[in-house]
């Protein structure tokens, strides 16, 4: 009989698993099929992840809140996905639903999966010292550091991915909106969060309304 399993993770005991758990329960996943770790995503031997892998059978499905919860080590993520393929287990990223068993079998889907996995690994390796040094340098120039006010947790999570997609010359703002299910204003908010100069690569340089939306967002 097909079973649906869920995997959630946070890195430290100061973070909270409640949001992930609530999402899993809304999907009707049985409590005994929800596996949770409080451990670093770079570790391959997380206890509950290993327990989950031991229960999977052909035809089962694994869901996770987003790819970074499954892991931040690209090599291990690839190994996990190949394992799912080999035993006939479906998987689905709830935050980025275009990362799933079917889509990642296509060339485009595989590229998106590798891209998101690489980004997760990159941000894990980014040192806090470099971030602090950058903020200090900005303060000395009279600039206030930190994230823009009003940015939701959801936007902060997807902002790096939005920027990467926008850098692709074949990807439009509309494509990004559909991929992440966010408004056009939220797309530009993501650019602001990442301090990304979208104007250098904007596909619609003549679209005055796009520039207006950014100004409107900043003023909000």
N, C-alpha and C. Protein backbone atom coordinates (compact mmCIF):
# COMPACT_ATOMS: atom_id res chain seq x y z
N UNK A 1 0.83 -1.19 0.00
CA UNK A 1 0.00 0.00 0.00
C UNK A 1 0.87 1.25 0.00
N UNK A 2 0.56 2.20 -0.86
CA UNK A 2 1.35 3.42 -0.97
C UNK A 2 1.24 4.25 0.31
N UNK A 3 2.39 4.72 0.79
CA UNK A 3 2.44 5.58 1.97
C UNK A 3 3.06 6.92 1.60
N UNK A 4 2.58 7.97 2.25
CA UNK A 4 3.17 9.30 2.06
C UNK A 4 3.95 9.66 3.32
N UNK A 5 5.22 10.00 3.14
CA UNK A 5 6.09 10.36 4.24
C UNK A 5 6.51 11.83 4.10
N UNK A 6 6.86 12.43 5.21
CA UNK A 6 7.32 13.82 5.20
C UNK A 6 8.62 13.94 5.96
N UNK A 7 9.48 14.83 5.48
CA UNK A 7 10.74 15.07 6.18
C UNK A 7 10.92 16.56 6.42
N UNK A 8 11.19 16.92 7.66
CA UNK A 8 11.43 18.31 8.02
C UNK A 8 12.73 18.45 8.78
N UNK A 9 13.31 19.64 8.74
CA UNK A 9 14.59 19.84 9.41
C UNK A 9 14.79 21.31 9.75
N UNK A 10 15.41 21.55 10.90
CA UNK A 10 15.96 22.86 11.23
C UNK A 10 17.40 22.63 11.68
N UNK A 11 18.20 23.69 11.64
CA UNK A 11 19.62 23.52 11.93
C UNK A 11 19.94 23.59 13.42
N UNK A 12 19.20 24.42 14.17
CA UNK A 12 19.51 24.60 15.58
C UNK A 12 18.24 24.54 16.42
N UNK A 13 18.44 24.42 17.74
CA UNK A 13 17.28 24.36 18.64
C UNK A 13 16.61 25.71 18.83
N UNK A 14 17.20 26.78 18.26
CA UNK A 14 16.56 28.09 18.33
C UNK A 14 15.57 28.28 17.19
N UNK A 15 15.60 27.40 16.20
CA UNK A 15 14.66 27.45 15.10
C UNK A 15 13.46 26.55 15.43
N UNK A 16 12.39 26.75 14.68
CA UNK A 16 11.13 26.08 15.02
C UNK A 16 10.64 25.22 13.85
N UNK A 17 10.24 24.00 14.18
CA UNK A 17 9.74 23.06 13.17
C UNK A 17 8.24 23.18 12.95
N UNK A 18 7.56 24.00 13.75
CA UNK A 18 6.10 24.04 13.72
C UNK A 18 5.52 24.31 12.34
N UNK A 19 6.10 25.28 11.62
CA UNK A 19 5.57 25.64 10.31
C UNK A 19 5.62 24.44 9.35
N UNK A 20 6.72 23.70 9.38
CA UNK A 20 6.84 22.53 8.52
C UNK A 20 5.86 21.45 8.94
N UNK A 21 5.73 21.23 10.24
CA UNK A 21 4.82 20.21 10.74
C UNK A 21 3.38 20.54 10.37
N UNK A 22 3.00 21.80 10.53
CA UNK A 22 1.63 22.22 10.18
C UNK A 22 1.34 21.96 8.71
N UNK A 23 2.32 22.23 7.87
CA UNK A 23 2.15 22.00 6.43
C UNK A 23 1.92 20.52 6.14
N UNK A 24 2.69 19.67 6.78
CA UNK A 24 2.56 18.23 6.57
C UNK A 24 1.19 17.72 7.05
N UNK A 25 0.75 18.22 8.18
CA UNK A 25 -0.54 17.77 8.72
C UNK A 25 -1.70 18.24 7.85
N UNK A 26 -1.57 19.43 7.27
CA UNK A 26 -2.62 19.92 6.37
C UNK A 26 -2.77 19.01 5.15
N UNK A 27 -1.68 18.32 4.79
CA UNK A 27 -1.73 17.39 3.67
C UNK A 27 -2.29 16.03 4.08
N UNK A 28 -2.58 15.89 5.37
CA UNK A 28 -3.15 14.63 5.85
C UNK A 28 -2.13 13.54 6.10
N UNK A 29 -0.87 13.91 6.21
CA UNK A 29 0.18 12.92 6.44
C UNK A 29 0.12 12.44 7.89
N UNK A 30 0.14 11.14 8.08
CA UNK A 30 0.04 10.56 9.41
C UNK A 30 1.25 10.96 10.27
N UNK A 31 0.98 11.18 11.53
CA UNK A 31 2.03 11.66 12.44
C UNK A 31 3.23 10.71 12.48
N UNK A 32 2.95 9.41 12.43
CA UNK A 32 4.05 8.45 12.49
C UNK A 32 4.89 8.44 11.21
N UNK A 33 4.39 9.09 10.16
CA UNK A 33 5.13 9.16 8.90
C UNK A 33 5.86 10.49 8.71
N UNK A 34 5.87 11.29 9.78
CA UNK A 34 6.59 12.57 9.73
C UNK A 34 7.91 12.42 10.47
N UNK A 35 9.02 12.67 9.78
CA UNK A 35 10.35 12.52 10.35
C UNK A 35 11.02 13.89 10.43
N UNK A 36 11.55 14.21 11.61
CA UNK A 36 12.07 15.55 11.85
C UNK A 36 13.47 15.49 12.45
N UNK A 37 14.35 16.33 11.93
CA UNK A 37 15.71 16.43 12.46
C UNK A 37 15.99 17.85 12.90
N UNK A 38 16.77 17.98 13.97
CA UNK A 38 17.35 19.26 14.36
C UNK A 38 18.85 19.09 14.20
N UNK A 39 19.31 19.31 12.98
CA UNK A 39 20.70 19.01 12.64
C UNK A 39 21.10 19.78 11.39
N UNK A 40 22.37 19.88 11.17
CA UNK A 40 22.89 20.61 10.01
C UNK A 40 22.55 19.90 8.70
N UNK A 41 22.20 20.68 7.69
CA UNK A 41 21.88 20.11 6.39
C UNK A 41 23.08 19.58 5.65
N UNK A 42 24.28 19.88 6.13
CA UNK A 42 25.48 19.40 5.46
C UNK A 42 25.83 17.97 5.88
N UNK A 43 25.18 17.49 6.96
CA UNK A 43 25.47 16.14 7.45
C UNK A 43 24.64 15.11 6.71
N UNK A 44 25.29 14.02 6.33
CA UNK A 44 24.62 12.95 5.59
C UNK A 44 23.98 11.90 6.50
N UNK A 45 24.37 11.87 7.77
CA UNK A 45 23.93 10.79 8.66
C UNK A 45 22.89 11.25 9.68
N UNK A 46 22.06 12.21 9.29
CA UNK A 46 21.00 12.67 10.21
C UNK A 46 20.10 11.49 10.61
N UNK A 47 19.85 11.37 11.91
CA UNK A 47 19.18 10.18 12.45
C UNK A 47 17.81 9.94 11.85
N UNK A 48 16.94 10.95 11.88
CA UNK A 48 15.57 10.75 11.39
C UNK A 48 15.51 10.59 9.88
N UNK A 49 16.43 11.23 9.17
CA UNK A 49 16.47 11.04 7.71
C UNK A 49 16.82 9.59 7.40
N UNK A 50 17.78 9.03 8.14
CA UNK A 50 18.15 7.64 7.93
C UNK A 50 17.00 6.70 8.28
N UNK A 51 16.26 7.03 9.34
CA UNK A 51 15.09 6.22 9.71
C UNK A 51 14.05 6.25 8.60
N UNK A 52 13.85 7.43 8.03
CA UNK A 52 12.89 7.56 6.92
C UNK A 52 13.32 6.72 5.73
N UNK A 53 14.59 6.82 5.35
CA UNK A 53 15.08 6.08 4.19
C UNK A 53 14.90 4.57 4.37
N UNK A 54 14.99 4.14 5.62
CA UNK A 54 14.83 2.71 5.89
C UNK A 54 13.40 2.22 5.76
N UNK A 55 12.42 3.11 5.78
CA UNK A 55 11.02 2.73 5.69
C UNK A 55 10.44 2.82 4.28
N UNK A 56 11.15 3.49 3.38
CA UNK A 56 10.61 3.72 2.04
C UNK A 56 10.53 2.44 1.21
N UNK A 57 9.42 2.29 0.49
CA UNK A 57 9.21 1.16 -0.39
C UNK A 57 8.71 1.68 -1.75
N UNK A 58 8.78 0.85 -2.73
CA UNK A 58 8.35 1.23 -4.07
C UNK A 58 6.90 1.74 -4.05
N UNK A 59 6.68 2.87 -4.70
CA UNK A 59 5.34 3.44 -4.76
C UNK A 59 5.07 4.49 -3.69
N UNK A 60 5.93 4.57 -2.68
CA UNK A 60 5.75 5.58 -1.63
C UNK A 60 6.10 6.97 -2.17
N UNK A 61 5.74 7.98 -1.39
CA UNK A 61 6.08 9.36 -1.75
C UNK A 61 6.70 10.06 -0.55
N UNK A 62 7.72 10.88 -0.83
CA UNK A 62 8.36 11.70 0.19
C UNK A 62 8.13 13.17 -0.14
N UNK A 63 7.65 13.94 0.83
CA UNK A 63 7.49 15.38 0.63
C UNK A 63 8.38 16.10 1.64
N UNK A 64 8.88 17.27 1.24
CA UNK A 64 9.69 18.08 2.14
C UNK A 64 9.35 19.54 1.89
N UNK A 65 9.54 20.37 2.91
CA UNK A 65 9.10 21.77 2.84
C UNK A 65 9.82 22.51 1.71
N UNK A 66 11.11 22.35 1.63
CA UNK A 66 11.86 22.82 0.46
C UNK A 66 13.17 22.06 0.39
N UNK A 67 13.85 22.16 -0.74
CA UNK A 67 15.03 21.34 -1.00
C UNK A 67 16.12 21.52 0.04
N UNK A 68 16.26 22.73 0.58
CA UNK A 68 17.31 22.98 1.56
C UNK A 68 17.05 22.24 2.87
N UNK A 69 15.77 21.89 3.14
CA UNK A 69 15.47 21.10 4.35
C UNK A 69 15.97 19.68 4.18
N UNK A 70 15.92 19.18 2.94
CA UNK A 70 16.40 17.82 2.67
C UNK A 70 17.92 17.77 2.81
N UNK A 71 18.59 18.85 2.43
CA UNK A 71 20.03 18.91 2.58
C UNK A 71 20.63 20.10 1.87
N UNK A 72 21.84 20.50 2.31
CA UNK A 72 22.53 21.62 1.68
C UNK A 72 23.85 21.18 1.05
N UNK A 73 24.02 19.89 0.93
CA UNK A 73 25.19 19.33 0.27
C UNK A 73 24.75 18.80 -1.09
N UNK A 74 25.15 19.47 -2.16
CA UNK A 74 24.66 19.12 -3.49
C UNK A 74 24.95 17.67 -3.86
N UNK A 75 26.13 17.21 -3.54
CA UNK A 75 26.50 15.82 -3.88
C UNK A 75 25.56 14.83 -3.20
N UNK A 76 25.24 15.10 -1.93
CA UNK A 76 24.35 14.18 -1.21
C UNK A 76 22.92 14.29 -1.70
N UNK A 77 22.49 15.51 -2.06
CA UNK A 77 21.15 15.67 -2.62
C UNK A 77 20.99 14.84 -3.88
N UNK A 78 21.99 14.88 -4.74
CA UNK A 78 21.94 14.10 -5.97
C UNK A 78 21.88 12.60 -5.65
N UNK A 79 22.66 12.18 -4.65
CA UNK A 79 22.65 10.77 -4.24
C UNK A 79 21.27 10.36 -3.74
N UNK A 80 20.63 11.23 -2.95
CA UNK A 80 19.29 10.93 -2.43
C UNK A 80 18.26 10.78 -3.55
N UNK A 81 18.29 11.74 -4.49
CA UNK A 81 17.33 11.70 -5.59
C UNK A 81 17.54 10.45 -6.44
N UNK A 82 18.78 10.09 -6.70
CA UNK A 82 19.07 8.87 -7.46
C UNK A 82 18.58 7.64 -6.71
N UNK A 83 18.67 7.69 -5.37
CA UNK A 83 18.16 6.57 -4.56
C UNK A 83 16.64 6.47 -4.69
N UNK A 84 15.96 7.61 -4.64
CA UNK A 84 14.50 7.61 -4.81
C UNK A 84 14.12 7.01 -6.17
N UNK A 85 14.84 7.43 -7.21
CA UNK A 85 14.57 6.89 -8.55
C UNK A 85 14.75 5.37 -8.56
N UNK A 86 15.85 4.91 -7.96
CA UNK A 86 16.22 3.49 -8.05
C UNK A 86 15.22 2.57 -7.37
N UNK A 87 14.56 3.05 -6.28
CA UNK A 87 13.60 2.19 -5.58
C UNK A 87 12.15 2.52 -5.93
N UNK A 88 11.96 3.49 -6.84
CA UNK A 88 10.61 3.81 -7.29
C UNK A 88 9.80 4.64 -6.33
N UNK A 89 10.46 5.58 -5.65
CA UNK A 89 9.79 6.46 -4.69
C UNK A 89 9.62 7.85 -5.30
N UNK A 90 8.41 8.41 -5.19
CA UNK A 90 8.15 9.77 -5.66
C UNK A 90 8.60 10.77 -4.61
N UNK A 91 8.92 11.99 -5.06
CA UNK A 91 9.28 13.04 -4.12
C UNK A 91 8.70 14.36 -4.61
N UNK A 92 8.53 15.29 -3.66
CA UNK A 92 7.96 16.58 -4.01
C UNK A 92 8.42 17.66 -3.04
N UNK A 93 8.85 18.78 -3.59
CA UNK A 93 9.21 19.97 -2.82
C UNK A 93 7.95 20.82 -2.69
N UNK A 94 7.48 21.04 -1.46
CA UNK A 94 6.22 21.77 -1.25
C UNK A 94 6.34 23.26 -1.53
N UNK A 95 7.50 23.83 -1.31
CA UNK A 95 7.71 25.25 -1.57
C UNK A 95 7.93 25.51 -3.05
N UNK A 96 8.62 24.61 -3.69
CA UNK A 96 8.92 24.74 -5.12
C UNK A 96 8.37 23.49 -5.82
N UNK A 97 7.07 23.44 -6.06
CA UNK A 97 6.43 22.22 -6.57
C UNK A 97 6.93 21.76 -7.94
N UNK A 98 7.67 22.64 -8.65
CA UNK A 98 8.22 22.21 -9.93
C UNK A 98 9.44 21.31 -9.75
N UNK A 99 9.87 21.12 -8.49
CA UNK A 99 10.91 20.14 -8.19
C UNK A 99 10.21 18.88 -7.70
N UNK A 100 10.04 17.92 -8.60
CA UNK A 100 9.35 16.68 -8.25
C UNK A 100 9.86 15.55 -9.13
N UNK A 101 9.35 14.37 -8.90
CA UNK A 101 9.85 13.18 -9.62
C UNK A 101 9.77 13.34 -11.12
N UNK A 102 8.63 13.84 -11.61
CA UNK A 102 8.44 13.93 -13.06
C UNK A 102 9.31 15.02 -13.68
N UNK A 103 9.30 16.21 -13.07
CA UNK A 103 10.01 17.34 -13.68
C UNK A 103 11.52 17.13 -13.72
N UNK A 104 12.08 16.52 -12.69
CA UNK A 104 13.53 16.37 -12.64
C UNK A 104 14.05 15.28 -13.58
N UNK A 105 13.14 14.58 -14.25
CA UNK A 105 13.57 13.61 -15.26
C UNK A 105 13.78 14.30 -16.62
N UNK A 106 13.34 15.55 -16.73
CA UNK A 106 13.57 16.31 -17.96
C UNK A 106 14.87 17.09 -17.82
N UNK A 107 15.44 17.50 -18.96
CA UNK A 107 16.69 18.26 -18.93
C UNK A 107 16.51 19.58 -18.18
N UNK A 108 15.37 20.25 -18.44
CA UNK A 108 15.11 21.54 -17.78
C UNK A 108 14.91 21.35 -16.28
N UNK A 109 14.14 20.33 -15.91
CA UNK A 109 13.87 20.07 -14.51
C UNK A 109 15.12 19.69 -13.74
N UNK A 110 15.97 18.91 -14.38
CA UNK A 110 17.22 18.52 -13.74
C UNK A 110 18.10 19.74 -13.50
N UNK A 111 18.11 20.66 -14.47
CA UNK A 111 18.89 21.89 -14.33
C UNK A 111 18.40 22.72 -13.14
N UNK A 112 17.06 22.84 -13.01
CA UNK A 112 16.49 23.61 -11.89
C UNK A 112 16.87 22.96 -10.56
N UNK A 113 16.77 21.64 -10.49
CA UNK A 113 17.12 20.93 -9.27
C UNK A 113 18.58 21.16 -8.90
N UNK A 114 19.48 21.02 -9.88
CA UNK A 114 20.91 21.22 -9.63
C UNK A 114 21.20 22.66 -9.22
N UNK A 115 20.49 23.58 -9.84
CA UNK A 115 20.68 25.00 -9.53
C UNK A 115 20.28 25.30 -8.10
N UNK A 116 19.11 24.82 -7.69
CA UNK A 116 18.65 25.07 -6.34
C UNK A 116 19.56 24.37 -5.32
N UNK A 117 19.99 23.17 -5.65
CA UNK A 117 20.89 22.44 -4.76
C UNK A 117 22.21 23.16 -4.60
N UNK A 118 22.74 23.68 -5.72
CA UNK A 118 24.01 24.41 -5.68
C UNK A 118 23.88 25.69 -4.88
N UNK A 119 22.74 26.36 -5.02
CA UNK A 119 22.51 27.59 -4.25
C UNK A 119 22.47 27.30 -2.75
N UNK A 120 21.79 26.22 -2.38
CA UNK A 120 21.74 25.85 -0.97
C UNK A 120 23.12 25.59 -0.40
N UNK A 121 23.95 24.91 -1.17
CA UNK A 121 25.31 24.61 -0.75
C UNK A 121 26.13 25.89 -0.65
N UNK A 122 25.95 26.78 -1.62
CA UNK A 122 26.69 28.04 -1.63
C UNK A 122 26.37 28.87 -0.40
N UNK A 123 25.08 29.02 -0.10
CA UNK A 123 24.71 29.85 1.04
C UNK A 123 25.14 29.23 2.36
N UNK A 124 25.22 27.91 2.42
CA UNK A 124 25.73 27.28 3.64
C UNK A 124 27.19 27.62 3.84
N UNK A 125 27.94 27.65 2.74
CA UNK A 125 29.38 27.87 2.83
C UNK A 125 29.74 29.35 2.99
N UNK A 126 28.79 30.23 2.71
CA UNK A 126 29.08 31.66 2.86
C UNK A 126 29.34 31.95 4.34
N UNK A 127 30.46 32.51 4.64
CA UNK A 127 30.83 32.71 6.05
C UNK A 127 30.15 33.93 6.65
N UNK A 128 29.79 33.82 7.92
CA UNK A 128 29.18 34.93 8.65
C UNK A 128 30.16 36.09 8.78
N UNK A 129 31.43 35.77 8.83
CA UNK A 129 32.44 36.82 8.96
C UNK A 129 32.43 37.75 7.74
N UNK A 130 32.26 37.16 6.55
CA UNK A 130 32.24 37.98 5.35
C UNK A 130 30.99 38.85 5.29
N UNK A 131 29.88 38.29 5.76
CA UNK A 131 28.64 39.07 5.79
C UNK A 131 28.79 40.25 6.75
N UNK A 132 29.33 39.98 7.93
CA UNK A 132 29.51 41.05 8.92
C UNK A 132 30.47 42.11 8.41
N UNK A 133 31.51 41.67 7.72
CA UNK A 133 32.48 42.62 7.18
C UNK A 133 31.82 43.51 6.13
N UNK A 134 30.96 42.93 5.32
CA UNK A 134 30.26 43.70 4.30
C UNK A 134 29.31 44.72 4.90
N UNK A 135 28.60 44.32 5.97
CA UNK A 135 27.68 45.23 6.65
C UNK A 135 28.44 46.37 7.31
N UNK A 136 29.58 46.04 7.90
CA UNK A 136 30.38 47.07 8.55
C UNK A 136 30.90 48.08 7.54
N UNK A 137 31.33 47.58 6.37
CA UNK A 137 31.81 48.48 5.32
C UNK A 137 30.69 49.38 4.83
N UNK A 138 29.47 48.82 4.74
CA UNK A 138 28.32 49.61 4.31
C UNK A 138 27.99 50.69 5.33
N UNK A 139 28.07 50.35 6.62
CA UNK A 139 27.77 51.33 7.67
C UNK A 139 28.74 52.50 7.62
N UNK A 140 30.01 52.19 7.34
CA UNK A 140 31.02 53.25 7.26
C UNK A 140 30.73 54.21 6.11
N UNK A 141 30.01 53.70 5.12
CA UNK A 141 29.65 54.56 3.99
C UNK A 141 28.30 55.25 4.23
N UNK A 142 27.76 55.04 5.43
CA UNK A 142 26.50 55.69 5.76
C UNK A 142 25.27 54.92 5.34
N UNK A 143 25.46 53.66 4.96
CA UNK A 143 24.33 52.84 4.54
C UNK A 143 23.91 51.93 5.68
N UNK A 144 22.62 51.73 5.80
CA UNK A 144 22.08 50.85 6.84
C UNK A 144 22.04 49.42 6.33
N UNK A 145 22.61 48.50 7.10
CA UNK A 145 22.64 47.11 6.66
C UNK A 145 21.38 46.36 7.03
N UNK A 146 21.32 45.10 6.63
CA UNK A 146 20.18 44.26 6.97
C UNK A 146 19.18 44.16 5.85
N UNK A 147 18.18 43.29 6.06
CA UNK A 147 17.13 43.07 5.08
C UNK A 147 16.15 44.23 5.06
N UNK A 148 15.54 44.51 3.92
CA UNK A 148 14.53 45.56 3.86
C UNK A 148 13.35 45.22 4.77
N UNK A 149 12.77 46.24 5.41
CA UNK A 149 11.62 46.02 6.26
C UNK A 149 10.43 45.55 5.42
N UNK A 150 9.64 44.70 6.01
CA UNK A 150 8.43 44.26 5.34
C UNK A 150 8.61 43.03 4.48
N UNK A 151 9.83 42.51 4.39
CA UNK A 151 10.06 41.31 3.58
C UNK A 151 9.64 40.08 4.38
N UNK A 152 8.74 39.30 3.83
CA UNK A 152 8.28 38.10 4.53
C UNK A 152 9.35 37.02 4.49
N UNK A 153 9.19 36.03 5.36
CA UNK A 153 10.14 34.92 5.39
C UNK A 153 10.14 34.18 4.07
N UNK A 154 8.96 34.03 3.49
CA UNK A 154 8.81 33.35 2.20
C UNK A 154 9.62 34.06 1.12
N UNK A 155 9.52 35.40 1.07
CA UNK A 155 10.27 36.15 0.05
C UNK A 155 11.76 36.07 0.30
N UNK A 156 12.18 36.12 1.55
CA UNK A 156 13.61 36.01 1.85
C UNK A 156 14.16 34.66 1.42
N UNK A 157 13.33 33.62 1.51
CA UNK A 157 13.78 32.28 1.12
C UNK A 157 13.93 32.14 -0.39
N UNK A 158 12.99 32.72 -1.13
CA UNK A 158 13.01 32.53 -2.59
C UNK A 158 13.81 33.60 -3.32
N UNK A 159 14.15 34.71 -2.63
CA UNK A 159 14.82 35.83 -3.29
C UNK A 159 16.08 35.42 -4.07
N UNK A 160 16.99 34.61 -3.50
CA UNK A 160 18.18 34.23 -4.26
C UNK A 160 17.83 33.47 -5.54
N UNK A 161 16.80 32.63 -5.47
CA UNK A 161 16.40 31.83 -6.64
C UNK A 161 15.75 32.72 -7.70
N UNK A 162 14.99 33.72 -7.24
CA UNK A 162 14.36 34.67 -8.18
C UNK A 162 15.43 35.40 -8.97
N UNK A 163 16.49 35.82 -8.29
CA UNK A 163 17.57 36.54 -8.95
C UNK A 163 18.27 35.66 -9.98
N UNK A 164 18.53 34.41 -9.60
CA UNK A 164 19.20 33.49 -10.53
C UNK A 164 18.35 33.27 -11.78
N UNK A 165 17.04 33.09 -11.59
CA UNK A 165 16.16 32.90 -12.74
C UNK A 165 16.13 34.13 -13.63
N UNK A 166 16.15 35.32 -13.03
CA UNK A 166 16.08 36.56 -13.81
C UNK A 166 17.34 36.75 -14.66
N UNK A 167 18.46 36.21 -14.19
CA UNK A 167 19.71 36.36 -14.94
C UNK A 167 19.70 35.53 -16.21
N UNK A 168 18.79 34.58 -16.29
CA UNK A 168 18.64 33.78 -17.51
C UNK A 168 17.92 34.64 -18.56
N UNK A 169 18.55 34.93 -19.69
CA UNK A 169 17.95 35.82 -20.69
C UNK A 169 16.65 35.30 -21.28
N UNK A 170 16.39 34.01 -21.13
CA UNK A 170 15.16 33.43 -21.69
C UNK A 170 14.02 33.41 -20.67
N UNK A 171 14.27 33.93 -19.47
CA UNK A 171 13.26 33.90 -18.42
C UNK A 171 12.67 35.29 -18.22
N UNK A 172 11.36 35.41 -18.28
CA UNK A 172 10.69 36.69 -18.11
C UNK A 172 10.18 36.85 -16.69
N UNK A 173 9.77 38.05 -16.35
CA UNK A 173 9.18 38.30 -15.02
C UNK A 173 7.94 37.43 -14.84
N UNK A 174 7.19 37.28 -15.93
CA UNK A 174 5.98 36.45 -15.87
C UNK A 174 6.33 35.01 -15.53
N UNK A 175 7.43 34.50 -16.12
CA UNK A 175 7.87 33.13 -15.83
C UNK A 175 8.20 32.98 -14.34
N UNK A 176 8.89 33.99 -13.80
CA UNK A 176 9.28 33.95 -12.39
C UNK A 176 8.04 33.98 -11.50
N UNK A 177 7.09 34.84 -11.85
CA UNK A 177 5.85 34.93 -11.07
C UNK A 177 5.15 33.58 -11.01
N UNK A 178 5.05 32.93 -12.16
CA UNK A 178 4.35 31.64 -12.22
C UNK A 178 5.11 30.56 -11.47
N UNK A 179 6.46 30.58 -11.57
CA UNK A 179 7.27 29.55 -10.94
C UNK A 179 7.16 29.59 -9.41
N UNK A 180 7.16 30.82 -8.86
CA UNK A 180 7.14 30.96 -7.41
C UNK A 180 5.77 31.34 -6.86
N UNK A 181 4.81 31.56 -7.77
CA UNK A 181 3.45 31.93 -7.37
C UNK A 181 3.46 33.19 -6.51
N UNK A 182 4.14 34.23 -7.01
CA UNK A 182 4.21 35.50 -6.32
C UNK A 182 3.81 36.61 -7.29
N UNK A 183 3.50 37.77 -6.76
CA UNK A 183 3.08 38.90 -7.59
C UNK A 183 4.30 39.57 -8.24
N UNK A 184 4.03 40.43 -9.23
CA UNK A 184 5.12 41.15 -9.88
C UNK A 184 5.84 42.04 -8.88
N UNK A 185 5.08 42.68 -7.99
CA UNK A 185 5.69 43.51 -6.96
C UNK A 185 6.62 42.72 -6.06
N UNK A 186 6.24 41.46 -5.77
CA UNK A 186 7.07 40.60 -4.92
C UNK A 186 8.36 40.21 -5.63
N UNK A 187 8.30 40.07 -6.96
CA UNK A 187 9.51 39.78 -7.72
C UNK A 187 10.52 40.90 -7.53
N UNK A 188 10.06 42.14 -7.67
CA UNK A 188 10.96 43.27 -7.50
C UNK A 188 11.40 43.44 -6.06
N UNK A 189 10.54 43.03 -5.13
CA UNK A 189 10.93 43.04 -3.72
C UNK A 189 12.09 42.07 -3.48
N UNK A 190 12.05 40.93 -4.17
CA UNK A 190 13.14 39.95 -4.07
C UNK A 190 14.44 40.54 -4.59
N UNK A 191 14.36 41.30 -5.68
CA UNK A 191 15.56 41.97 -6.21
C UNK A 191 16.13 42.91 -5.16
N UNK A 192 15.23 43.64 -4.47
CA UNK A 192 15.65 44.59 -3.44
C UNK A 192 16.30 43.86 -2.27
N UNK A 193 15.71 42.73 -1.88
CA UNK A 193 16.25 41.94 -0.77
C UNK A 193 17.69 41.53 -1.05
N UNK A 194 17.96 41.13 -2.30
CA UNK A 194 19.28 40.64 -2.68
C UNK A 194 20.21 41.75 -3.18
N UNK A 195 19.74 43.01 -3.09
CA UNK A 195 20.52 44.15 -3.61
C UNK A 195 20.96 43.91 -5.05
N UNK A 196 20.03 43.37 -5.82
CA UNK A 196 20.30 42.99 -7.22
C UNK A 196 19.90 44.13 -8.17
N UNK A 197 20.83 44.57 -8.98
CA UNK A 197 20.57 45.65 -9.94
C UNK A 197 19.93 45.04 -11.19
N UNK A 198 18.62 44.85 -11.12
CA UNK A 198 17.89 44.21 -12.21
C UNK A 198 17.92 45.02 -13.49
N UNK A 199 18.14 46.34 -13.39
CA UNK A 199 18.07 47.20 -14.57
C UNK A 199 19.14 46.86 -15.61
N UNK A 200 20.26 46.31 -15.13
CA UNK A 200 21.33 45.96 -16.06
C UNK A 200 20.94 44.80 -16.96
N UNK A 201 19.99 43.95 -16.50
CA UNK A 201 19.61 42.78 -17.28
C UNK A 201 18.12 42.73 -17.56
N UNK A 202 17.40 43.81 -17.25
CA UNK A 202 15.94 43.81 -17.39
C UNK A 202 15.55 43.60 -18.85
N UNK A 203 14.59 42.66 -19.07
CA UNK A 203 14.17 42.34 -20.44
C UNK A 203 13.30 43.44 -21.03
N UNK A 204 12.61 44.20 -20.14
CA UNK A 204 11.71 45.24 -20.62
C UNK A 204 12.23 46.61 -20.19
N UNK A 205 13.37 47.02 -20.71
CA UNK A 205 14.00 48.24 -20.28
C UNK A 205 13.14 49.46 -20.57
N UNK A 206 12.22 49.31 -21.50
CA UNK A 206 11.36 50.44 -21.82
C UNK A 206 10.09 50.45 -21.02
N UNK A 207 9.93 49.52 -20.13
CA UNK A 207 8.71 49.42 -19.33
C UNK A 207 8.82 50.33 -18.11
N UNK A 208 8.29 51.55 -18.23
CA UNK A 208 8.37 52.51 -17.13
C UNK A 208 7.60 52.03 -15.92
N UNK A 209 6.57 51.25 -16.15
CA UNK A 209 5.74 50.78 -15.05
C UNK A 209 6.52 49.86 -14.12
N UNK A 210 7.50 49.10 -14.69
CA UNK A 210 8.32 48.22 -13.87
C UNK A 210 9.14 49.03 -12.89
N UNK A 211 9.76 50.12 -13.37
CA UNK A 211 10.54 50.95 -12.49
C UNK A 211 9.67 51.60 -11.42
N UNK A 212 8.45 51.97 -11.81
CA UNK A 212 7.51 52.58 -10.88
C UNK A 212 7.18 51.64 -9.75
N UNK A 213 7.01 50.35 -10.10
CA UNK A 213 6.64 49.37 -9.08
C UNK A 213 7.73 49.24 -8.03
N UNK A 214 9.01 49.33 -8.46
CA UNK A 214 10.10 49.24 -7.50
C UNK A 214 10.07 50.43 -6.55
N UNK A 215 9.87 51.63 -7.10
CA UNK A 215 9.82 52.83 -6.27
C UNK A 215 8.65 52.74 -5.29
N UNK A 216 7.52 52.24 -5.79
CA UNK A 216 6.34 52.10 -4.95
C UNK A 216 6.58 51.14 -3.81
N UNK A 217 7.30 50.03 -4.11
CA UNK A 217 7.61 49.04 -3.09
C UNK A 217 8.50 49.63 -2.01
N UNK A 218 9.50 50.44 -2.42
CA UNK A 218 10.43 51.02 -1.46
C UNK A 218 9.73 52.03 -0.56
N UNK A 219 8.73 52.68 -1.12
CA UNK A 219 8.06 53.71 -0.37
C UNK A 219 7.08 53.14 0.64
N UNK A 220 6.66 51.87 0.37
CA UNK A 220 5.64 51.23 1.22
C UNK A 220 6.14 51.02 2.64
